[in-house]
Amino acid sequence: MSERVEAGAAAAKKPAAISAEEMLKQAVAGATKANEAPSAGAMSKPSLKLPRFGANARLAVASLTALACGLAIGVLAAPGQGPGDALAQVQAELATGRAEMARLSQEFDRLTRTATAARETSDAARGEAKALSASLADRIGRTEQNLERRLTSLSETLTRSDREQGERIAGLIAQLEKKAQPVTAAAPPKPEPKAEARIAEPTQTGSLPDKAKSETVENWALRDVYDGVAVLEDRRRRLVEVARGDAVPGVGRVEAIERRGRQWVVVTRQGVITPQTW
């Protein structure tokens, strides 16, 4: 008796399992027919079509596979449901899958647009950097050229100034030499007349000039003699050029510039100016 009950239970379970599989097939076929019915006269293509996603095709296939597995498990787990409930569940799952795929497609498009915008921004920044570098290099080049031109102009100005200054100095030296020539021509001392000649001059009237003193003048020293001109130096290291007939400050008129032995002397009324070492 128990064996009959178990056999009947097994027989009851077997039709239930078969009916679940058939229900899944009928649900899928019914959904296909329901989608084809409105457009049967116009189009021959099935209404159940998935959108094309291009680069995310693998993600779509994986999602559909997981969805189909979930539908099969759900149908098998609920054998007591009728064909209408199974069809509604399948349609709900398909709608959920389509919504998820649409969301994933939108997310992918958003990420694609973000990546494209980032790439465009990077390209724009790279272009601006190149333009800025080129502009900076151009400015540096122009600055260097301006500096070179200014340095060249300054060097030419200095050279011209040095040349003009040299010409001025040469002109001043030439003028001084020209002024010194008449003095040197008149500077050579005349030989003093002999005493006999002075005595023999009967026509001279008036008092004779005092003879120059032979004392040495201590405040002046003779440093050089050239072309009838004597260079004198005082105690304060001041140099004075005098010729015959000129006046020495503090001493008087120069009577003669003559050579006595190995040295030159300047004869004045106050005494003789000799080369002295202080």
C-alpha atoms as a PDB file:
ATOM      1  CA  MET A   1       0.000   0.000   0.000  1.00  0.00           C
ATOM      2  CA  SER A   2       2.800   2.310   0.863  1.00  0.00           C
ATOM      3  CA  GLU A   3       4.560   1.492  -2.381  1.00  0.00           C
ATOM      4  CA  ARG A   4       1.475   2.575  -4.337  1.00  0.00           C
ATOM      5  CA  VAL A   5       1.323   5.825  -2.420  1.00  0.00           C
ATOM      6  CA  GLU A   6       4.993   6.574  -3.118  1.00  0.00           C
ATOM      7  CA  ALA A   7       4.566   5.707  -6.807  1.00  0.00           C
ATOM      8  CA  GLY A   8       1.570   7.988  -7.002  1.00  0.00           C
ATOM      9  CA  ALA A   9       3.495  10.740  -5.320  1.00  0.00           C
ATOM     10  CA  ALA A  10       6.396  10.298  -7.726  1.00  0.00           C
ATOM     11  CA  ALA A  11       3.997  10.319 -10.648  1.00  0.00           C
ATOM     12  CA  ALA A  12       2.430  13.462  -9.288  1.00  0.00           C
ATOM     13  CA  LYS A  13       5.773  15.143  -8.900  1.00  0.00           C
ATOM     14  CA  LYS A  14       6.925  14.284 -12.424  1.00  0.00           C
ATOM     15  CA  PRO A  15       4.040  15.948 -14.274  1.00  0.00           C
ATOM     16  CA  ALA A  16       4.503  19.001 -12.067  1.00  0.00           C
ATOM     17  CA  ALA A  17       8.152  19.334 -13.100  1.00  0.00           C
ATOM     18  CA  ILE A  18       7.325  18.839 -16.768  1.00  0.00           C
ATOM     19  CA  SER A  19       4.561  21.332 -16.605  1.00  0.00           C
ATOM     20  CA  ALA A  20       6.968  23.932 -15.146  1.00  0.00           C
ATOM     21  CA  GLU A  21       9.366  23.612 -18.067  1.00  0.00           C
ATOM     22  CA  GLU A  22       6.478  23.729 -20.508  1.00  0.00           C
ATOM     23  CA  MET A  23       5.153  26.760 -18.699  1.00  0.00           C
ATOM     24  CA  LEU A  24       8.514  28.545 -19.169  1.00  0.00           C
ATOM     25  CA  LYS A  25       8.546  27.688 -22.857  1.00  0.00           C
ATOM     26  CA  GLN A  26       4.923  28.707 -23.240  1.00  0.00           C
ATOM     27  CA  ALA A  27       5.602  31.947 -21.386  1.00  0.00           C
ATOM     28  CA  VAL A  28       8.516  32.844 -23.658  1.00  0.00           C
ATOM     29  CA  ALA A  29       6.581  31.767 -26.761  1.00  0.00           C
ATOM     30  CA  GLY A  30       3.481  33.615 -25.571  1.00  0.00           C
ATOM     31  CA  ALA A  31       5.498  36.784 -24.983  1.00  0.00           C
ATOM     32  CA  THR A  32       6.965  36.481 -28.449  1.00  0.00           C
ATOM     33  CA  LYS A  33       3.542  35.982 -30.010  1.00  0.00           C
ATOM     34  CA  ALA A  34       2.071  38.818 -28.007  1.00  0.00           C
ATOM     35  CA  ASN A  35       4.813  41.163 -29.244  1.00  0.00           C
ATOM     36  CA  GLU A  36       4.490  39.938 -32.848  1.00  0.00           C
ATOM     37  CA  ALA A  37       0.671  40.202 -32.967  1.00  0.00           C
ATOM     38  CA  PRO A  38       0.378  44.028 -33.275  1.00  0.00           C
ATOM     39  CA  SER A  39       2.983  44.279 -36.063  1.00  0.00           C
ATOM     40  CA  ALA A  40       2.343  40.981 -37.912  1.00  0.00           C
ATOM     41  CA  GLY A  41       0.824  42.666 -40.936  1.00  0.00           C
ATOM     42  CA  ALA A  42       3.520  45.311 -41.220  1.00  0.00           C
ATOM     43  CA  MET A  43       6.815  43.687 -40.162  1.00  0.00           C
ATOM     44  CA  SER A  44       8.089  40.132 -40.060  1.00  0.00           C
ATOM     45  CA  LYS A  45      10.844  40.819 -37.491  1.00  0.00           C
ATOM     46  CA  PRO A  46      10.358  39.641 -33.877  1.00  0.00           C
ATOM     47  CA  SER A  47       9.326  42.338 -31.461  1.00  0.00           C
ATOM     48  CA  LEU A  48      11.636  41.097 -28.698  1.00  0.00           C
ATOM     49  CA  LYS A  49      14.879  42.765 -29.709  1.00  0.00           C
ATOM     50  CA  LEU A  50      17.668  44.066 -27.535  1.00  0.00           C
ATOM     51  CA  PRO A  51      19.275  47.429 -28.176  1.00  0.00           C
ATOM     52  CA  ARG A  52      22.724  47.542 -29.624  1.00  0.00           C
ATOM     53  CA  PHE A  53      25.292  48.821 -27.190  1.00  0.00           C
ATOM     54  CA  GLY A  54      28.450  48.760 -29.287  1.00  0.00           C
ATOM     55  CA  ALA A  55      31.426  48.683 -26.942  1.00  0.00           C
ATOM     56  CA  ASN A  56      29.464  47.243 -23.936  1.00  0.00           C
ATOM     57  CA  ALA A  57      28.144  44.166 -25.786  1.00  0.00           C
ATOM     58  CA  ARG A  58      29.859  41.800 -23.358  1.00  0.00           C
ATOM     59  CA  LEU A  59      28.172  43.475 -20.410  1.00  0.00           C
ATOM     60  CA  ALA A  60      24.776  43.168 -22.129  1.00  0.00           C
ATOM     61  CA  VAL A  61      25.273  39.469 -22.867  1.00  0.00           C
ATOM     62  CA  ALA A  62      26.319  38.800 -19.268  1.00  0.00           C
ATOM     63  CA  SER A  63      23.296  40.685 -17.925  1.00  0.00           C
ATOM     64  CA  LEU A  64      20.891  38.819 -20.216  1.00  0.00           C
ATOM     65  CA  THR A  65      22.426  35.489 -19.260  1.00  0.00           C
ATOM     66  CA  ALA A  66      22.040  36.247 -15.556  1.00  0.00           C
ATOM     67  CA  LEU A  67      18.468  37.414 -16.189  1.00  0.00           C
ATOM     68  CA  ALA A  68      17.554  34.215 -18.052  1.00  0.00           C
ATOM     69  CA  CYS A  69      19.040  32.073 -15.286  1.00  0.00           C
ATOM     70  CA  GLY A  70      17.067  34.024 -12.684  1.00  0.00           C
ATOM     71  CA  LEU A  71      13.850  33.584 -14.671  1.00  0.00           C
ATOM     72  CA  ALA A  72      14.380  29.847 -15.014  1.00  0.00           C
ATOM     73  CA  ILE A  73      15.117  29.452 -11.317  1.00  0.00           C
ATOM     74  CA  GLY A  74      12.090  31.537 -10.399  1.00  0.00           C
ATOM     75  CA  VAL A  75       9.754  29.546 -12.630  1.00  0.00           C
ATOM     76  CA  LEU A  76      11.081  26.205 -11.410  1.00  0.00           C
ATOM     77  CA  ALA A  77      10.845  27.318  -7.811  1.00  0.00           C
ATOM     78  CA  ALA A  78       7.149  28.238  -8.215  1.00  0.00           C
ATOM     79  CA  PRO A  79       5.467  25.231  -9.933  1.00  0.00           C
ATOM     80  CA  GLY A  80       2.061  26.151  -8.603  1.00  0.00           C
ATOM     81  CA  GLN A  81       1.762  29.355 -10.617  1.00  0.00           C
ATOM     82  CA  GLY A  82      -0.356  29.526 -13.709  1.00  0.00           C
ATOM     83  CA  PRO A  83       0.731  30.541 -17.240  1.00  0.00           C
ATOM     84  CA  GLY A  84      -0.550  34.082 -16.751  1.00  0.00           C
ATOM     85  CA  ASP A  85       1.456  34.630 -13.607  1.00  0.00           C
ATOM     86  CA  ALA A  86       4.589  33.184 -15.231  1.00  0.00           C
ATOM     87  CA  LEU A  87       4.113  35.404 -18.280  1.00  0.00           C
ATOM     88  CA  ALA A  88       3.667  38.466 -16.090  1.00  0.00           C
ATOM     89  CA  GLN A  89       6.768  37.597 -14.104  1.00  0.00           C
ATOM     90  CA  VAL A  90       8.798  37.039 -17.268  1.00  0.00           C
ATOM     91  CA  GLN A  91       7.607  40.330 -18.724  1.00  0.00           C
ATOM     92  CA  ALA A  92       8.418  42.124 -15.472  1.00  0.00           C
ATOM     93  CA  GLU A  93      11.892  40.621 -15.409  1.00  0.00           C
ATOM     94  CA  LEU A  94      12.408  41.532 -19.055  1.00  0.00           C
ATOM     95  CA  ALA A  95      11.284  45.103 -18.376  1.00  0.00           C
ATOM     96  CA  THR A  96      13.629  45.276 -15.403  1.00  0.00           C
ATOM     97  CA  GLY A  97      16.450  43.944 -17.581  1.00  0.00           C
ATOM     98  CA  ARG A  98      15.695  46.468 -20.302  1.00  0.00           C
ATOM     99  CA  ALA A  99      15.657  49.290 -17.762  1.00  0.00           C
ATOM    100  CA  GLU A 100      18.951  48.101 -16.306  1.00  0.00           C
ATOM    101  CA  MET A 101      20.483  47.831 -19.767  1.00  0.00           C
ATOM    102  CA  ALA A 102      19.210  51.317 -20.625  1.00  0.00           C
ATOM    103  CA  ARG A 103      20.685  52.633 -17.381  1.00  0.00           C
ATOM    104  CA  LEU A 104      24.005  50.924 -18.088  1.00  0.00           C
ATOM    105  CA  SER A 105      23.963  52.300 -21.626  1.00  0.00           C
ATOM    106  CA  GLN A 106      23.304  55.813 -20.335  1.00  0.00           C
ATOM    107  CA  GLU A 107      26.060  55.426 -17.758  1.00  0.00           C
ATOM    108  CA  PHE A 108      28.431  54.199 -20.436  1.00  0.00           C
ATOM    109  CA  ASP A 109      27.483  57.126 -22.689  1.00  0.00           C
ATOM    110  CA  ARG A 110      28.015  59.518 -19.791  1.00  0.00           C
ATOM    111  CA  LEU A 111      31.438  58.032 -19.057  1.00  0.00           C
ATOM    112  CA  THR A 112      32.273  58.214 -22.768  1.00  0.00           C
ATOM    113  CA  ARG A 113      31.273  61.886 -22.910  1.00  0.00           C
ATOM    114  CA  THR A 114      33.272  62.579 -19.743  1.00  0.00           C
ATOM    115  CA  ALA A 115      36.352  60.873 -21.190  1.00  0.00           C
ATOM    116  CA  THR A 116      35.919  62.757 -24.471  1.00  0.00           C
ATOM    117  CA  ALA A 117      35.579  66.083 -22.635  1.00  0.00           C
ATOM    118  CA  ALA A 118      38.649  65.285 -20.534  1.00  0.00           C
ATOM    119  CA  ARG A 119      40.600  64.402 -23.678  1.00  0.00           C
ATOM    120  CA  GLU A 120      39.495  67.631 -25.367  1.00  0.00           C
ATOM    121  CA  THR A 121      40.433  69.626 -22.261  1.00  0.00           C
ATOM    122  CA  SER A 122      43.838  67.946 -22.164  1.00  0.00           C
ATOM    123  CA  ASP A 123      44.398  68.644 -25.857  1.00  0.00           C
ATOM    124  CA  ALA A 124      43.356  72.276 -25.375  1.00  0.00           C
ATOM    125  CA  ALA A 125      45.675  72.653 -22.376  1.00  0.00           C
ATOM    126  CA  ARG A 126      48.516  71.069 -24.340  1.00  0.00           C
ATOM    127  CA  GLY A 127      47.866  73.446 -27.232  1.00  0.00           C
ATOM    128  CA  GLU A 128      47.809  76.453 -24.889  1.00  0.00           C
ATOM    129  CA  ALA A 129      51.068  75.287 -23.292  1.00  0.00           C
ATOM    130  CA  LYS A 130      52.708  74.983 -26.712  1.00  0.00           C
ATOM    131  CA  ALA A 131      51.441  78.414 -27.743  1.00  0.00           C
ATOM    132  CA  LEU A 132      52.620  79.947 -24.460  1.00  0.00           C
ATOM    133  CA  SER A 133      56.036  78.303 -24.835  1.00  0.00           C
ATOM    134  CA  ALA A 134      56.368  79.592 -28.386  1.00  0.00           C
ATOM    135  CA  SER A 135      55.300  83.102 -27.315  1.00  0.00           C
ATOM    136  CA  LEU A 136      57.744  83.060 -24.393  1.00  0.00           C
ATOM    137  CA  ALA A 137      60.592  81.895 -26.631  1.00  0.00           C
ATOM    138  CA  ASP A 138      59.735  84.659 -29.114  1.00  0.00           C
ATOM    139  CA  ARG A 139      59.746  87.302 -26.359  1.00  0.00           C
ATOM    140  CA  ILE A 140      63.077  86.041 -25.003  1.00  0.00           C
ATOM    141  CA  GLY A 141      64.555  86.149 -28.501  1.00  0.00           C
ATOM    142  CA  ARG A 142      63.350  89.721 -29.069  1.00  0.00           C
ATOM    143  CA  THR A 143      64.686  90.767 -25.660  1.00  0.00           C
ATOM    144  CA  GLU A 144      68.105  89.293 -26.443  1.00  0.00           C
ATOM    145  CA  GLN A 145      68.158  91.069 -29.799  1.00  0.00           C
ATOM    146  CA  ASN A 146      67.254  94.382 -28.155  1.00  0.00           C
ATOM    147  CA  LEU A 147      69.997  93.904 -25.556  1.00  0.00           C
ATOM    148  CA  GLU A 148      72.538  93.091 -28.258  1.00  0.00           C
ATOM    149  CA  ARG A 149      71.557  96.198 -30.217  1.00  0.00           C
ATOM    150  CA  ARG A 150      71.795  98.374 -27.100  1.00  0.00           C
ATOM    151  CA  LEU A 151      75.178  96.920 -26.153  1.00  0.00           C
ATOM    152  CA  THR A 152      76.443  97.462 -29.694  1.00  0.00           C
ATOM    153  CA  SER A 153      75.176 101.059 -29.684  1.00  0.00           C
ATOM    154  CA  LEU A 154      76.718 101.692 -26.258  1.00  0.00           C
ATOM    155  CA  SER A 155      80.052 100.241 -27.389  1.00  0.00           C
ATOM    156  CA  GLU A 156      80.016 102.442 -30.491  1.00  0.00           C
ATOM    157  CA  THR A 157      79.164 105.478 -28.358  1.00  0.00           C
ATOM    158  CA  LEU A 158      82.039 104.763 -25.959  1.00  0.00           C
ATOM    159  CA  THR A 159      84.452 104.222 -28.845  1.00  0.00           C
ATOM    160  CA  ARG A 160      83.364 107.468 -30.491  1.00  0.00           C
ATOM    161  CA  SER A 161      83.637 109.329 -27.181  1.00  0.00           C
ATOM    162  CA  ASP A 162      87.150 107.977 -26.589  1.00  0.00           C
ATOM    163  CA  ARG A 163      88.180 108.967 -30.096  1.00  0.00           C
ATOM    164  CA  GLU A 164      86.743 112.465 -29.745  1.00  0.00           C
ATOM    165  CA  GLN A 165      88.371 112.893 -26.340  1.00  0.00           C
ATOM    166  CA  GLY A 166      91.715 111.766 -27.761  1.00  0.00           C
ATOM    167  CA  GLU A 167      91.341 114.231 -30.612  1.00  0.00           C
ATOM    168  CA  ARG A 168      90.536 117.033 -28.150  1.00  0.00           C
ATOM    169  CA  ILE A 169      93.543 116.198 -25.996  1.00  0.00           C
ATOM    170  CA  ALA A 170      95.763 116.092 -29.078  1.00  0.00           C
ATOM    171  CA  GLY A 171      94.395 119.482 -30.165  1.00  0.00           C
ATOM    172  CA  LEU A 172      95.033 120.984 -26.722  1.00  0.00           C
ATOM    173  CA  ILE A 173      98.575 119.627 -26.712  1.00  0.00           C
ATOM    174  CA  ALA A 174      99.147 121.078 -30.163  1.00  0.00           C
ATOM    175  CA  GLN A 175      97.809 124.454 -29.030  1.00  0.00           C
ATOM    176  CA  LEU A 176     100.045 124.416 -25.964  1.00  0.00           C
ATOM    177  CA  GLU A 177     103.035 123.571 -28.097  1.00  0.00           C
ATOM    178  CA  LYS A 178     102.203 126.398 -30.488  1.00  0.00           C
ATOM    179  CA  LYS A 179     101.907 128.820 -27.589  1.00  0.00           C
ATOM    180  CA  ALA A 180     105.206 127.624 -26.144  1.00  0.00           C
ATOM    181  CA  GLN A 181     107.130 128.107 -29.396  1.00  0.00           C
ATOM    182  CA  PRO A 182     107.241 131.960 -29.293  1.00  0.00           C
ATOM    183  CA  VAL A 183     108.266 131.870 -25.661  1.00  0.00           C
ATOM    184  CA  THR A 184     111.085 129.477 -26.386  1.00  0.00           C
ATOM    185  CA  ALA A 185     112.174 131.604 -29.299  1.00  0.00           C
ATOM    186  CA  ALA A 186     112.423 134.653 -27.078  1.00  0.00           C
ATOM    187  CA  ALA A 187     113.635 132.722 -24.077  1.00  0.00           C
ATOM    188  CA  PRO A 188     117.280 132.023 -24.961  1.00  0.00           C
ATOM    189  CA  PRO A 189     119.383 134.207 -22.678  1.00  0.00           C
ATOM    190  CA  LYS A 190     121.466 136.866 -24.254  1.00  0.00           C
ATOM    191  CA  PRO A 191     125.120 136.902 -23.407  1.00  0.00           C
ATOM    192  CA  GLU A 192     125.844 139.488 -20.831  1.00  0.00           C
ATOM    193  CA  PRO A 193     127.935 142.402 -22.155  1.00  0.00           C
ATOM    194  CA  LYS A 194     131.442 142.438 -20.973  1.00  0.00           C
ATOM    195  CA  ALA A 195     132.436 144.816 -18.300  1.00  0.00           C
ATOM    196  CA  GLU A 196     134.780 146.587 -20.625  1.00  0.00           C
ATOM    197  CA  ALA A 197     131.979 147.287 -23.075  1.00  0.00           C
ATOM    198  CA  ARG A 198     129.764 148.651 -20.304  1.00  0.00           C
ATOM    199  CA  ILE A 199     132.498 150.940 -19.159  1.00  0.00           C
ATOM    200  CA  ALA A 200     133.130 152.144 -22.692  1.00  0.00           C
ATOM    201  CA  GLU A 201     129.486 153.123 -23.210  1.00  0.00           C
ATOM    202  CA  PRO A 202     129.486 156.873 -22.781  1.00  0.00           C
ATOM    203  CA  THR A 203     125.858 157.421 -23.797  1.00  0.00           C
ATOM    204  CA  GLN A 204     124.219 155.440 -20.909  1.00  0.00           C
ATOM    205  CA  THR A 205     122.424 157.673 -18.463  1.00  0.00           C
ATOM    206  CA  GLY A 206     120.701 156.994 -15.194  1.00  0.00           C
ATOM    207  CA  SER A 207     121.554 154.545 -12.462  1.00  0.00           C
ATOM    208  CA  LEU A 208     122.693 151.075 -13.310  1.00  0.00           C
ATOM    209  CA  PRO A 209     120.440 148.184 -12.247  1.00  0.00           C
ATOM    210  CA  ASP A 210     121.388 146.400  -9.115  1.00  0.00           C
ATOM    211  CA  LYS A 211     123.351 143.268  -9.603  1.00  0.00           C
ATOM    212  CA  ALA A 212     121.571 140.056  -8.879  1.00  0.00           C
ATOM    213  CA  LYS A 213     122.381 138.579  -5.548  1.00  0.00           C
ATOM    214  CA  SER A 214     124.310 135.355  -5.463  1.00  0.00           C
ATOM    215  CA  GLU A 215     122.475 133.974  -2.451  1.00  0.00           C
ATOM    216  CA  THR A 216     120.470 130.763  -2.828  1.00  0.00           C
ATOM    217  CA  VAL A 217     116.689 131.093  -2.628  1.00  0.00           C
ATOM    218  CA  GLU A 218     115.506 128.477  -0.125  1.00  0.00           C
ATOM    219  CA  ASN A 219     111.777 128.539  -0.891  1.00  0.00           C
ATOM    220  CA  TRP A 220     112.161 127.508  -4.523  1.00  0.00           C
ATOM    221  CA  ALA A 221     114.005 124.714  -6.291  1.00  0.00           C
ATOM    222  CA  LEU A 222     114.849 124.221  -9.954  1.00  0.00           C
ATOM    223  CA  ARG A 223     113.460 120.931 -11.327  1.00  0.00           C
ATOM    224  CA  ASP A 224     113.965 121.128 -15.074  1.00  0.00           C
ATOM    225  CA  VAL A 225     115.083 123.396 -17.932  1.00  0.00           C
ATOM    226  CA  TYR A 226     113.977 122.999 -21.549  1.00  0.00           C
ATOM    227  CA  ASP A 227     114.009 125.416 -24.463  1.00  0.00           C
ATOM    228  CA  GLY A 228     114.779 128.424 -22.287  1.00  0.00           C
ATOM    229  CA  VAL A 229     111.970 127.621 -19.826  1.00  0.00           C
ATOM    230  CA  ALA A 230     112.665 126.655 -16.214  1.00  0.00           C
ATOM    231  CA  VAL A 231     110.353 124.489 -14.118  1.00  0.00           C
ATOM    232  CA  LEU A 232     110.355 125.625 -10.477  1.00  0.00           C
ATOM    233  CA  GLU A 233     108.840 123.963  -7.388  1.00  0.00           C
ATOM    234  CA  ASP A 234     108.038 125.579  -4.055  1.00  0.00           C
ATOM    235  CA  ARG A 235     107.744 124.069  -0.600  1.00  0.00           C
ATOM    236  CA  ARG A 236     104.083 123.235  -1.155  1.00  0.00           C
ATOM    237  CA  ARG A 237     104.943 121.100  -4.210  1.00  0.00           C
ATOM    238  CA  ARG A 238     103.546 123.666  -6.601  1.00  0.00           C
ATOM    239  CA  LEU A 239     105.167 123.720 -10.047  1.00  0.00           C
ATOM    240  CA  VAL A 240     105.676 126.935 -11.998  1.00  0.00           C
ATOM    241  CA  GLU A 241     107.177 127.450 -15.466  1.00  0.00           C
ATOM    242  CA  VAL A 242     109.105 130.701 -15.952  1.00  0.00           C
ATOM    243  CA  ALA A 243     111.273 132.214 -18.635  1.00  0.00           C
ATOM    244  CA  ARG A 244     113.567 135.228 -18.661  1.00  0.00           C
ATOM    245  CA  GLY A 245     111.596 138.311 -17.711  1.00  0.00           C
ATOM    246  CA  ASP A 246     108.867 136.403 -15.856  1.00  0.00           C
ATOM    247  CA  ALA A 247     108.210 136.953 -12.171  1.00  0.00           C
ATOM    248  CA  VAL A 248     108.600 134.219  -9.561  1.00  0.00           C
ATOM    249  CA  PRO A 249     106.024 134.591  -6.747  1.00  0.00           C
ATOM    250  CA  GLY A 250     107.696 135.964  -3.648  1.00  0.00           C
ATOM    251  CA  VAL A 251     111.116 136.270  -5.326  1.00  0.00           C
ATOM    252  CA  GLY A 252     110.894 138.678  -8.221  1.00  0.00           C
ATOM    253  CA  ARG A 253     111.840 138.951 -11.838  1.00  0.00           C
ATOM    254  CA  VAL A 254     113.921 136.269 -13.552  1.00  0.00           C
ATOM    255  CA  GLU A 255     117.112 137.856 -14.791  1.00  0.00           C
ATOM    256  CA  ALA A 256     118.614 134.833 -16.496  1.00  0.00           C
ATOM    257  CA  ILE A 257     118.513 131.065 -16.844  1.00  0.00           C
ATOM    258  CA  GLU A 258     122.083 129.904 -17.155  1.00  0.00           C
ATOM    259  CA  ARG A 259     124.260 126.888 -16.759  1.00  0.00           C
ATOM    260  CA  ARG A 260     126.911 126.956 -14.059  1.00  0.00           C
ATOM    261  CA  GLY A 261     129.170 124.005 -14.222  1.00  0.00           C
ATOM    262  CA  ARG A 262     127.101 120.841 -14.383  1.00  0.00           C
ATOM    263  CA  GLN A 263     123.808 122.332 -13.283  1.00  0.00           C
ATOM    264  CA  TRP A 264     121.356 124.987 -14.328  1.00  0.00           C
ATOM    265  CA  VAL A 265     120.362 127.918 -12.159  1.00  0.00           C
ATOM    266  CA  VAL A 266     117.758 130.656 -12.323  1.00  0.00           C
ATOM    267  CA  VAL A 267     119.124 134.087 -11.504  1.00  0.00           C
ATOM    268  CA  THR A 268     116.723 136.521  -9.812  1.00  0.00           C
ATOM    269  CA  ARG A 269     117.095 139.806  -7.894  1.00  0.00           C
ATOM    270  CA  GLN A 270     116.593 138.001  -4.592  1.00  0.00           C
ATOM    271  CA  GLY A 271     119.112 135.280  -5.290  1.00  0.00           C
ATOM    272  CA  VAL A 272     119.805 132.157  -7.298  1.00  0.00           C
ATOM    273  CA  ILE A 273     117.335 129.271  -7.548  1.00  0.00           C
ATOM    274  CA  THR A 274     119.251 125.984  -7.725  1.00  0.00           C
ATOM    275  CA  PRO A 275     118.260 122.312  -7.904  1.00  0.00           C
ATOM    276  CA  GLN A 276     117.569 121.397  -4.292  1.00  0.00           C
ATOM    277  CA  THR A 277     116.426 118.149  -2.697  1.00  0.00           C
ATOM    278  CA  TRP A 278     113.795 118.453   0.031  1.00  0.00           C
END
